[in-house]
Amino acid sequence: MSLVAMPKPQPEIAELQKALDDATKRLEECDCVLVLMQKKDNGLLYFAPEGTQVATIGWMAQSFVHYLHTLKPED
């Protein structure tokens, strides 16, 4: 599982582009891709391949939460 969380870069998007480029290099390792973005006025935006079921998106998001809760400080 690979997870990248970062604040919105200001004013350049180079940092975000680097994260997307790094993720693209690892696509061979993945079954599915989900991009989550937190909106300024609450709520989330998500982007996933067309045809991805909402249940799959929910499962992926929940998996990230579980993964974060099981990380050790040395990870």
C-alpha atoms as a PDB file:
ATOM      1  CA  MET A   1       0.000   0.000   0.000  1.00  0.00           C
ATOM      2  CA  SER A   2       1.296   3.439  -0.871  1.00  0.00           C
ATOM      3  CA  LEU A   3      -0.099   6.599   0.666  1.00  0.00           C
ATOM      4  CA  VAL A   4       0.865  10.214   0.043  1.00  0.00           C
ATOM      5  CA  ALA A   5      -0.690  13.001   2.104  1.00  0.00           C
ATOM      6  CA  MET A   6       0.393  16.579   1.598  1.00  0.00           C
ATOM      7  CA  PRO A   7      -0.916  20.131   1.916  1.00  0.00           C
ATOM      8  CA  LYS A   8      -1.859  21.949  -1.255  1.00  0.00           C
ATOM      9  CA  PRO A   9       1.359  23.420  -2.650  1.00  0.00           C
ATOM     10  CA  GLN A  10       1.452  27.211  -2.945  1.00  0.00           C
ATOM     11  CA  PRO A  11       1.910  28.793  -5.435  1.00  0.00           C
ATOM     12  CA  GLU A  12       3.698  26.159  -7.520  1.00  0.00           C
ATOM     13  CA  ILE A  13       2.270  22.763  -8.317  1.00  0.00           C
ATOM     14  CA  ALA A  14       5.717  21.198  -8.788  1.00  0.00           C
ATOM     15  CA  GLU A  15       5.516  19.370  -5.443  1.00  0.00           C
ATOM     16  CA  LEU A  16       2.136  17.896  -6.345  1.00  0.00           C
ATOM     17  CA  GLN A  17       3.378  16.972  -9.819  1.00  0.00           C
ATOM     18  CA  LYS A  18       6.359  15.167  -8.263  1.00  0.00           C
ATOM     19  CA  ALA A  19       4.021  13.104  -6.063  1.00  0.00           C
ATOM     20  CA  LEU A  20       1.894  12.222  -9.109  1.00  0.00           C
ATOM     21  CA  ASP A  21       4.992  11.336 -11.145  1.00  0.00           C
ATOM     22  CA  ASP A  22       6.294   9.107  -8.330  1.00  0.00           C
ATOM     23  CA  ALA A  23       2.895   7.411  -8.115  1.00  0.00           C
ATOM     24  CA  THR A  24       2.825   6.884 -11.876  1.00  0.00           C
ATOM     25  CA  LYS A  25       6.142   5.040 -11.688  1.00  0.00           C
ATOM     26  CA  ARG A  26       4.562   2.557  -9.254  1.00  0.00           C
ATOM     27  CA  LEU A  27       1.388   1.811 -11.209  1.00  0.00           C
ATOM     28  CA  GLU A  28       2.621  -1.686 -12.065  1.00  0.00           C
ATOM     29  CA  GLU A  29       2.382  -2.519  -8.335  1.00  0.00           C
ATOM     30  CA  CYS A  30      -1.251  -1.438  -8.059  1.00  0.00           C
ATOM     31  CA  ASP A  31      -4.676  -2.892  -8.790  1.00  0.00           C
ATOM     32  CA  CYS A  32      -6.550   0.374  -8.371  1.00  0.00           C
ATOM     33  CA  VAL A  33      -5.863   4.095  -8.046  1.00  0.00           C
ATOM     34  CA  LEU A  34      -7.775   6.600  -5.923  1.00  0.00           C
ATOM     35  CA  VAL A  35      -7.004  10.308  -5.533  1.00  0.00           C
ATOM     36  CA  LEU A  36      -8.616  12.067  -2.554  1.00  0.00           C
ATOM     37  CA  MET A  37      -8.580  15.820  -2.054  1.00  0.00           C
ATOM     38  CA  GLN A  38      -9.942  17.709   0.949  1.00  0.00           C
ATOM     39  CA  LYS A  39     -12.051  20.721   0.009  1.00  0.00           C
ATOM     40  CA  LYS A  40     -11.583  24.059   1.768  1.00  0.00           C
ATOM     41  CA  ASP A  41     -15.257  24.175   2.743  1.00  0.00           C
ATOM     42  CA  ASN A  42     -15.281  20.599   4.080  1.00  0.00           C
ATOM     43  CA  GLY A  43     -15.942  17.463   2.150  1.00  0.00           C
ATOM     44  CA  LEU A  44     -13.795  15.419  -0.194  1.00  0.00           C
ATOM     45  CA  LEU A  45     -13.220  15.249  -3.900  1.00  0.00           C
ATOM     46  CA  TYR A  46     -12.173  11.912  -5.301  1.00  0.00           C
ATOM     47  CA  PHE A  47     -10.952  10.767  -8.650  1.00  0.00           C
ATOM     48  CA  ALA A  48     -10.873   7.124  -9.670  1.00  0.00           C
ATOM     49  CA  PRO A  49     -10.953   5.272 -12.963  1.00  0.00           C
ATOM     50  CA  GLU A  50     -14.325   5.320 -14.696  1.00  0.00           C
ATOM     51  CA  GLY A  51     -16.446   2.396 -13.645  1.00  0.00           C
ATOM     52  CA  THR A  52     -14.897   2.134 -10.174  1.00  0.00           C
ATOM     53  CA  GLN A  53     -17.658   1.228  -7.747  1.00  0.00           C
ATOM     54  CA  VAL A  54     -18.321   3.422  -4.722  1.00  0.00           C
ATOM     55  CA  ALA A  55     -17.904   0.339  -2.519  1.00  0.00           C
ATOM     56  CA  THR A  56     -14.383  -0.120  -3.877  1.00  0.00           C
ATOM     57  CA  ILE A  57     -13.546   3.529  -3.199  1.00  0.00           C
ATOM     58  CA  GLY A  58     -14.894   3.214   0.356  1.00  0.00           C
ATOM     59  CA  TRP A  59     -12.882   0.037   0.919  1.00  0.00           C
ATOM     60  CA  MET A  60      -9.688   1.708  -0.308  1.00  0.00           C
ATOM     61  CA  ALA A  61     -10.199   4.763   1.881  1.00  0.00           C
ATOM     62  CA  GLN A  62     -10.917   2.574   4.913  1.00  0.00           C
ATOM     63  CA  SER A  63      -7.813   0.508   4.149  1.00  0.00           C
ATOM     64  CA  PHE A  64      -5.700   3.678   4.256  1.00  0.00           C
ATOM     65  CA  VAL A  65      -7.171   4.613   7.634  1.00  0.00           C
ATOM     66  CA  HIS A  66      -6.418   1.130   8.980  1.00  0.00           C
ATOM     67  CA  TYR A  67      -2.890   1.273   7.545  1.00  0.00           C
ATOM     68  CA  LEU A  68      -2.241   4.658   9.192  1.00  0.00           C
ATOM     69  CA  HIS A  69      -3.427   3.380  12.561  1.00  0.00           C
ATOM     70  CA  THR A  70      -1.081   0.386  12.366  1.00  0.00           C
ATOM     71  CA  LEU A  71       2.074   2.353  11.474  1.00  0.00           C
ATOM     72  CA  LYS A  72       4.877   2.308  14.004  1.00  0.00           C
ATOM     73  CA  PRO A  73       7.005   5.416  14.613  1.00  0.00           C
ATOM     74  CA  GLU A  74       9.981   3.789  12.882  1.00  0.00           C
ATOM     75  CA  ASP A  75       7.946   3.044   9.682  1.00  0.00           C
END
